[in-house]
Amino acid sequence: MNYLAPSVLSADFSTLGNDIATVATAGAPIIHLDVMDGKFVPNISFGAPVISSVRKVTDAIFDVHLMIEEPSRYLEDFSKAGADIITVHYEACQDVAATLMQIRELGVKVGLSISPDTPADVLKPFLSQVDMILIMSVYPGFGGQKFIDASIDKIKVVRDMADELELNGLWIEVDGGIGADNIVSVMEAGANVFVAGSAVFKGDMVANVKALNAKIQ
């Protein structure tokens, strides 16, 4: 199965709950929530209270992407706020394995992300410990960036590693610069969860969700 995961960074925050409900009802099964601390990435977004607030508007899967330093400090907060998946960055954890275990013990699904300059092979020791790998196809911190073409090869490497380890249920998510022009090539490389911000929230949200879903189904 392939899944569209709209990124709320591109939503209108004055109507955030309504926007989330709209895209979920239109056919987006996952909502991607980027949490930024202004340290790991040069931007600040929102925290657990916002997630807790919008949790009330939909039963969609909440995919919480923590772009924060030493995320282990806040994992329980995001679990309580309603996260279904918590993804941390390889580059932001002092002890990656311990952080992944902490997420698992909270009863939510486990994600691990790498930034564009990090090689995919660092993920191999952790693949059996996670439910999802998130490959950043732009530099984390800001929406609206252009897709980095080298990400295609990185997706293929991760898919090959997963196949080698017979991890057939592993989700491979890609985040950054995803739109109608490249979502099929990203899928063909081996991804099955597609984070899209502007391509969903700019313009007719319902039509955008339906058009992108048509390409990946």
C-alpha atoms as a PDB file:
ATOM      1  CA  MET A   1       0.000   0.000   0.000  1.00  0.00           C
ATOM      2  CA  ASN A   2       1.035   3.574  -0.698  1.00  0.00           C
ATOM      3  CA  TYR A   3       0.052   6.470   1.535  1.00  0.00           C
ATOM      4  CA  LEU A   4      -0.168  10.226   1.105  1.00  0.00           C
ATOM      5  CA  ALA A   5       0.928  12.204   4.175  1.00  0.00           C
ATOM      6  CA  PRO A   6       0.149  15.932   3.887  1.00  0.00           C
ATOM      7  CA  SER A   7       2.583  18.131   5.799  1.00  0.00           C
ATOM      8  CA  VAL A   8       0.786  20.736   7.864  1.00  0.00           C
ATOM      9  CA  LEU A   9       3.699  23.175   7.589  1.00  0.00           C
ATOM     10  CA  SER A  10       2.059  24.337   4.375  1.00  0.00           C
ATOM     11  CA  ALA A  11      -1.432  24.623   5.862  1.00  0.00           C
ATOM     12  CA  ASP A  12      -3.126  27.843   6.949  1.00  0.00           C
ATOM     13  CA  PHE A  13      -2.511  27.843  10.698  1.00  0.00           C
ATOM     14  CA  SER A  14      -5.476  30.130  11.286  1.00  0.00           C
ATOM     15  CA  THR A  15      -7.690  27.227  10.138  1.00  0.00           C
ATOM     16  CA  LEU A  16      -5.356  24.342  10.933  1.00  0.00           C
ATOM     17  CA  GLY A  17      -7.948  21.976  12.367  1.00  0.00           C
ATOM     18  CA  ASN A  18     -10.280  22.496   9.418  1.00  0.00           C
ATOM     19  CA  ASP A  19      -7.474  22.019   6.895  1.00  0.00           C
ATOM     20  CA  ILE A  20      -6.394  18.767   8.534  1.00  0.00           C
ATOM     21  CA  ALA A  21      -9.958  17.465   8.625  1.00  0.00           C
ATOM     22  CA  THR A  22     -10.455  18.442   4.972  1.00  0.00           C
ATOM     23  CA  VAL A  23      -7.424  16.589   3.607  1.00  0.00           C
ATOM     24  CA  ALA A  24      -8.038  13.554   5.817  1.00  0.00           C
ATOM     25  CA  THR A  25     -11.640  13.279   4.622  1.00  0.00           C
ATOM     26  CA  ALA A  26     -10.480  13.770   1.019  1.00  0.00           C
ATOM     27  CA  GLY A  27      -8.345  10.631   1.242  1.00  0.00           C
ATOM     28  CA  ALA A  28      -5.106  11.364   3.090  1.00  0.00           C
ATOM     29  CA  PRO A  29      -4.722   8.606   5.704  1.00  0.00           C
ATOM     30  CA  ILE A  30      -1.650  10.137   7.380  1.00  0.00           C
ATOM     31  CA  ILE A  31      -1.052  13.661   8.664  1.00  0.00           C
ATOM     32  CA  HIS A  32       2.616  14.695   8.853  1.00  0.00           C
ATOM     33  CA  LEU A  33       3.460  17.069  11.716  1.00  0.00           C
ATOM     34  CA  ASP A  34       6.915  18.679  11.684  1.00  0.00           C
ATOM     35  CA  VAL A  35       8.196  19.734  15.094  1.00  0.00           C
ATOM     36  CA  MET A  36      11.217  22.076  14.976  1.00  0.00           C
ATOM     37  CA  ASP A  37      13.220  23.462  17.865  1.00  0.00           C
ATOM     38  CA  GLY A  38      15.296  26.211  16.265  1.00  0.00           C
ATOM     39  CA  LYS A  39      18.477  24.305  17.176  1.00  0.00           C
ATOM     40  CA  PHE A  40      18.628  21.099  15.173  1.00  0.00           C
ATOM     41  CA  VAL A  41      17.034  23.024  12.320  1.00  0.00           C
ATOM     42  CA  PRO A  42      17.000  26.816  11.819  1.00  0.00           C
ATOM     43  CA  ASN A  43      13.281  27.230  12.356  1.00  0.00           C
ATOM     44  CA  ILE A  44      10.653  26.850  15.082  1.00  0.00           C
ATOM     45  CA  SER A  45       7.244  25.357  14.341  1.00  0.00           C
ATOM     46  CA  PHE A  46       4.986  24.017  17.115  1.00  0.00           C
ATOM     47  CA  GLY A  47       4.953  21.541  19.966  1.00  0.00           C
ATOM     48  CA  ALA A  48       2.852  18.934  21.705  1.00  0.00           C
ATOM     49  CA  PRO A  49      -0.015  21.279  22.722  1.00  0.00           C
ATOM     50  CA  VAL A  50      -0.843  22.058  19.082  1.00  0.00           C
ATOM     51  CA  ILE A  51      -0.796  18.373  18.201  1.00  0.00           C
ATOM     52  CA  SER A  52      -3.044  17.587  21.152  1.00  0.00           C
ATOM     53  CA  SER A  53      -5.486  20.271  19.997  1.00  0.00           C
ATOM     54  CA  VAL A  54      -5.787  19.101  16.380  1.00  0.00           C
ATOM     55  CA  ARG A  55      -5.888  15.447  17.438  1.00  0.00           C
ATOM     56  CA  LYS A  56      -9.575  16.057  18.159  1.00  0.00           C
ATOM     57  CA  VAL A  57     -10.514  16.749  14.532  1.00  0.00           C
ATOM     58  CA  THR A  58      -9.540  13.465  12.855  1.00  0.00           C
ATOM     59  CA  ASP A  59      -8.773   9.797  13.378  1.00  0.00           C
ATOM     60  CA  ALA A  60      -6.050   9.926  10.702  1.00  0.00           C
ATOM     61  CA  ILE A  61      -2.607   8.581  11.596  1.00  0.00           C
ATOM     62  CA  PHE A  62      -0.523  11.333  13.200  1.00  0.00           C
ATOM     63  CA  ASP A  63       3.037  11.053  11.896  1.00  0.00           C
ATOM     64  CA  VAL A  64       5.081  13.281  14.229  1.00  0.00           C
ATOM     65  CA  HIS A  65       8.502  14.165  12.814  1.00  0.00           C
ATOM     66  CA  LEU A  66      10.779  15.506  15.536  1.00  0.00           C
ATOM     67  CA  MET A  67      13.449  17.777  14.115  1.00  0.00           C
ATOM     68  CA  ILE A  68      14.788  18.528  17.573  1.00  0.00           C
ATOM     69  CA  GLU A  69      18.020  17.923  19.452  1.00  0.00           C
ATOM     70  CA  GLU A  70      18.032  14.973  21.853  1.00  0.00           C
ATOM     71  CA  PRO A  71      14.359  14.124  21.273  1.00  0.00           C
ATOM     72  CA  SER A  72      14.276  11.552  24.076  1.00  0.00           C
ATOM     73  CA  ARG A  73      13.450  14.407  26.462  1.00  0.00           C
ATOM     74  CA  TYR A  74      10.046  14.945  24.874  1.00  0.00           C
ATOM     75  CA  LEU A  75       8.910  11.581  23.534  1.00  0.00           C
ATOM     76  CA  GLU A  76       6.368  10.989  26.290  1.00  0.00           C
ATOM     77  CA  ASP A  77       4.836  14.431  25.693  1.00  0.00           C
ATOM     78  CA  PHE A  78       4.252  13.705  22.017  1.00  0.00           C
ATOM     79  CA  SER A  79       2.912  10.251  22.735  1.00  0.00           C
ATOM     80  CA  LYS A  80       0.372  11.723  25.158  1.00  0.00           C
ATOM     81  CA  ALA A  81      -0.516  14.423  22.612  1.00  0.00           C
ATOM     82  CA  GLY A  82      -1.736  11.768  20.189  1.00  0.00           C
ATOM     83  CA  ALA A  83       1.190  10.730  18.007  1.00  0.00           C
ATOM     84  CA  ASP A  84       0.736   7.389  16.256  1.00  0.00           C
ATOM     85  CA  ILE A  85       4.251   7.436  14.784  1.00  0.00           C
ATOM     86  CA  ILE A  86       7.201   9.312  16.287  1.00  0.00           C
ATOM     87  CA  THR A  87      10.178   9.827  13.999  1.00  0.00           C
ATOM     88  CA  VAL A  88      13.532  11.050  15.282  1.00  0.00           C
ATOM     89  CA  HIS A  89      16.657  12.045  13.399  1.00  0.00           C
ATOM     90  CA  TYR A  90      19.738   9.845  13.394  1.00  0.00           C
ATOM     91  CA  GLU A  91      21.825  13.015  13.571  1.00  0.00           C
ATOM     92  CA  ALA A  92      19.986  14.396  16.636  1.00  0.00           C
ATOM     93  CA  CYS A  93      20.228  11.432  19.036  1.00  0.00           C
ATOM     94  CA  GLN A  94      23.093  10.732  21.417  1.00  0.00           C
ATOM     95  CA  ASP A  95      22.040   7.076  21.538  1.00  0.00           C
ATOM     96  CA  VAL A  96      19.909   6.121  18.543  1.00  0.00           C
ATOM     97  CA  ALA A  97      19.078   2.575  19.650  1.00  0.00           C
ATOM     98  CA  ALA A  98      18.018   3.689  23.138  1.00  0.00           C
ATOM     99  CA  THR A  99      15.834   6.444  21.712  1.00  0.00           C
ATOM    100  CA  LEU A 100      14.106   4.027  19.344  1.00  0.00           C
ATOM    101  CA  MET A 101      13.482   1.639  22.216  1.00  0.00           C
ATOM    102  CA  GLN A 102      12.016   4.459  24.285  1.00  0.00           C
ATOM    103  CA  ILE A 103       9.532   5.230  21.506  1.00  0.00           C
ATOM    104  CA  ARG A 104       8.556   1.561  21.245  1.00  0.00           C
ATOM    105  CA  GLU A 105       7.970   1.361  24.998  1.00  0.00           C
ATOM    106  CA  LEU A 106       5.496   4.253  24.715  1.00  0.00           C
ATOM    107  CA  GLY A 107       3.315   2.094  22.499  1.00  0.00           C
ATOM    108  CA  VAL A 108       3.629   4.109  19.295  1.00  0.00           C
ATOM    109  CA  LYS A 109       5.238   3.221  15.977  1.00  0.00           C
ATOM    110  CA  VAL A 110       8.925   4.025  15.552  1.00  0.00           C
ATOM    111  CA  GLY A 111      10.456   6.140  12.790  1.00  0.00           C
ATOM    112  CA  LEU A 112      14.070   7.063  12.031  1.00  0.00           C
ATOM    113  CA  SER A 113      15.072   9.849   9.660  1.00  0.00           C
ATOM    114  CA  ILE A 114      18.240  10.945   7.903  1.00  0.00           C
ATOM    115  CA  SER A 115      19.054  14.340   6.410  1.00  0.00           C
ATOM    116  CA  PRO A 116      20.310  14.741   2.825  1.00  0.00           C
ATOM    117  CA  ASP A 117      24.024  14.693   3.691  1.00  0.00           C
ATOM    118  CA  THR A 118      23.797  11.484   5.745  1.00  0.00           C
ATOM    119  CA  PRO A 119      24.471   8.260   3.812  1.00  0.00           C
ATOM    120  CA  ALA A 120      21.757   5.637   3.811  1.00  0.00           C
ATOM    121  CA  ASP A 121      23.998   2.853   5.074  1.00  0.00           C
ATOM    122  CA  VAL A 122      24.007   4.304   8.612  1.00  0.00           C
ATOM    123  CA  LEU A 123      20.419   3.070   8.865  1.00  0.00           C
ATOM    124  CA  LYS A 124      21.131  -0.623   8.367  1.00  0.00           C
ATOM    125  CA  PRO A 125      21.807  -1.501  12.046  1.00  0.00           C
ATOM    126  CA  PHE A 126      18.452   0.001  13.016  1.00  0.00           C
ATOM    127  CA  LEU A 127      16.128  -1.246  10.284  1.00  0.00           C
ATOM    128  CA  SER A 128      14.786  -4.140  12.315  1.00  0.00           C
ATOM    129  CA  GLN A 129      14.022  -1.787  15.233  1.00  0.00           C
ATOM    130  CA  VAL A 130      11.775   0.623  13.319  1.00  0.00           C
ATOM    131  CA  ASP A 131       8.448   0.694  11.527  1.00  0.00           C
ATOM    132  CA  MET A 132       9.405   3.507   9.170  1.00  0.00           C
ATOM    133  CA  ILE A 133      12.458   5.147   7.636  1.00  0.00           C
ATOM    134  CA  LEU A 134      12.097   8.794   6.644  1.00  0.00           C
ATOM    135  CA  ILE A 135      14.413  10.063   3.933  1.00  0.00           C
ATOM    136  CA  MET A 136      14.655  13.828   3.787  1.00  0.00           C
ATOM    137  CA  SER A 137      14.740  14.926   0.154  1.00  0.00           C
ATOM    138  CA  VAL A 138      15.332  18.563   1.139  1.00  0.00           C
ATOM    139  CA  TYR A 139      17.322  20.091   3.976  1.00  0.00           C
ATOM    140  CA  PRO A 140      15.096  20.001   7.064  1.00  0.00           C
ATOM    141  CA  GLY A 141      13.767  23.207   8.509  1.00  0.00           C
ATOM    142  CA  PHE A 142      11.702  24.918   5.823  1.00  0.00           C
ATOM    143  CA  GLY A 143       8.918  24.004   3.422  1.00  0.00           C
ATOM    144  CA  GLY A 144       8.817  24.790  -0.271  1.00  0.00           C
ATOM    145  CA  GLN A 145      12.317  23.572  -1.199  1.00  0.00           C
ATOM    146  CA  LYS A 146      13.191  21.772  -4.427  1.00  0.00           C
ATOM    147  CA  PHE A 147      13.460  17.991  -4.355  1.00  0.00           C
ATOM    148  CA  ILE A 148      17.092  16.799  -4.223  1.00  0.00           C
ATOM    149  CA  ASP A 149      17.442  14.372  -7.126  1.00  0.00           C
ATOM    150  CA  ALA A 150      20.112  12.270  -5.384  1.00  0.00           C
ATOM    151  CA  SER A 151      17.388  11.189  -2.956  1.00  0.00           C
ATOM    152  CA  ILE A 152      16.136   8.696  -5.550  1.00  0.00           C
ATOM    153  CA  ASP A 153      19.300   6.620  -5.223  1.00  0.00           C
ATOM    154  CA  LYS A 154      19.089   6.807  -1.428  1.00  0.00           C
ATOM    155  CA  ILE A 155      15.506   5.486  -1.501  1.00  0.00           C
ATOM    156  CA  LYS A 156      16.664   2.568  -3.647  1.00  0.00           C
ATOM    157  CA  VAL A 157      19.472   1.760  -1.215  1.00  0.00           C
ATOM    158  CA  VAL A 158      17.095   1.679   1.748  1.00  0.00           C
ATOM    159  CA  ARG A 159      14.568  -0.450  -0.129  1.00  0.00           C
ATOM    160  CA  ASP A 160      17.327  -2.888  -1.119  1.00  0.00           C
ATOM    161  CA  MET A 161      18.540  -3.129   2.489  1.00  0.00           C
ATOM    162  CA  ALA A 162      14.988  -3.763   3.684  1.00  0.00           C
ATOM    163  CA  ASP A 163      14.496  -6.460   1.051  1.00  0.00           C
ATOM    164  CA  GLU A 164      17.803  -8.082   1.996  1.00  0.00           C
ATOM    165  CA  LEU A 165      16.659  -8.279   5.624  1.00  0.00           C
ATOM    166  CA  GLU A 166      13.166  -9.418   4.537  1.00  0.00           C
ATOM    167  CA  LEU A 167      11.557  -6.436   6.237  1.00  0.00           C
ATOM    168  CA  ASN A 168       8.548  -6.465   3.956  1.00  0.00           C
ATOM    169  CA  GLY A 169       6.425  -4.318   6.249  1.00  0.00           C
ATOM    170  CA  LEU A 170       8.910  -1.453   6.560  1.00  0.00           C
ATOM    171  CA  TRP A 171       7.508   1.886   5.460  1.00  0.00           C
ATOM    172  CA  ILE A 172       9.852   4.160   3.512  1.00  0.00           C
ATOM    173  CA  GLU A 173       8.703   7.756   3.726  1.00  0.00           C
ATOM    174  CA  VAL A 174      10.092  10.643   1.682  1.00  0.00           C
ATOM    175  CA  ASP A 175       9.723  14.271   2.719  1.00  0.00           C
ATOM    176  CA  GLY A 176      10.570  17.367   0.723  1.00  0.00           C
ATOM    177  CA  GLY A 177       9.684  18.741  -2.663  1.00  0.00           C
ATOM    178  CA  ILE A 178       7.150  15.999  -3.451  1.00  0.00           C
ATOM    179  CA  GLY A 179       4.518  16.890  -6.036  1.00  0.00           C
ATOM    180  CA  ALA A 180       2.642  15.641  -9.051  1.00  0.00           C
ATOM    181  CA  ASP A 181       5.753  15.872 -11.235  1.00  0.00           C
ATOM    182  CA  ASN A 182       7.942  13.495  -9.208  1.00  0.00           C
ATOM    183  CA  ILE A 183       5.746  11.402  -6.882  1.00  0.00           C
ATOM    184  CA  VAL A 184       5.661   8.485  -9.338  1.00  0.00           C
ATOM    185  CA  SER A 185       9.469   8.325  -9.679  1.00  0.00           C
ATOM    186  CA  VAL A 186       9.765   8.434  -5.876  1.00  0.00           C
ATOM    187  CA  MET A 187       7.293   5.546  -5.637  1.00  0.00           C
ATOM    188  CA  GLU A 188       9.132   3.548  -8.303  1.00  0.00           C
ATOM    189  CA  ALA A 189      12.385   3.962  -6.351  1.00  0.00           C
ATOM    190  CA  GLY A 190      10.803   2.132  -3.424  1.00  0.00           C
ATOM    191  CA  ALA A 191       9.008   4.653  -1.231  1.00  0.00           C
ATOM    192  CA  ASN A 192       5.458   4.050  -0.039  1.00  0.00           C
ATOM    193  CA  VAL A 193       4.714   7.071   2.183  1.00  0.00           C
ATOM    194  CA  PHE A 194       4.785  10.471   0.489  1.00  0.00           C
ATOM    195  CA  VAL A 195       4.933  13.721   2.446  1.00  0.00           C
ATOM    196  CA  ALA A 196       3.543  16.615   0.430  1.00  0.00           C
ATOM    197  CA  GLY A 197       3.068  20.145   1.705  1.00  0.00           C
ATOM    198  CA  SER A 198       2.486  22.829  -0.894  1.00  0.00           C
ATOM    199  CA  ALA A 199       1.282  20.225  -3.390  1.00  0.00           C
ATOM    200  CA  VAL A 200      -1.636  19.501  -1.057  1.00  0.00           C
ATOM    201  CA  PHE A 201      -2.424  22.702   0.822  1.00  0.00           C
ATOM    202  CA  LYS A 202      -1.939  25.311  -1.903  1.00  0.00           C
ATOM    203  CA  GLY A 203      -5.089  25.655  -3.971  1.00  0.00           C
ATOM    204  CA  ASP A 204      -7.944  23.169  -3.931  1.00  0.00           C
ATOM    205  CA  MET A 205      -6.948  20.770  -1.144  1.00  0.00           C
ATOM    206  CA  VAL A 206      -9.530  18.119  -1.987  1.00  0.00           C
ATOM    207  CA  ALA A 207      -8.632  18.087  -5.676  1.00  0.00           C
ATOM    208  CA  ASN A 208      -4.911  18.003  -4.831  1.00  0.00           C
ATOM    209  CA  VAL A 209      -5.296  14.983  -2.540  1.00  0.00           C
ATOM    210  CA  LYS A 210      -7.330  13.113  -5.125  1.00  0.00           C
ATOM    211  CA  ALA A 211      -4.856  13.914  -7.920  1.00  0.00           C
ATOM    212  CA  LEU A 212      -1.826  12.777  -5.925  1.00  0.00           C
ATOM    213  CA  ASN A 213      -3.591   9.632  -4.713  1.00  0.00           C
ATOM    214  CA  ALA A 214      -4.453   8.771  -8.299  1.00  0.00           C
ATOM    215  CA  LYS A 215      -0.735   8.724  -9.133  1.00  0.00           C
ATOM    216  CA  ILE A 216       0.303   6.394  -6.307  1.00  0.00           C
ATOM    217  CA  GLN A 217      -2.579   3.899  -6.262  1.00  0.00           C
END
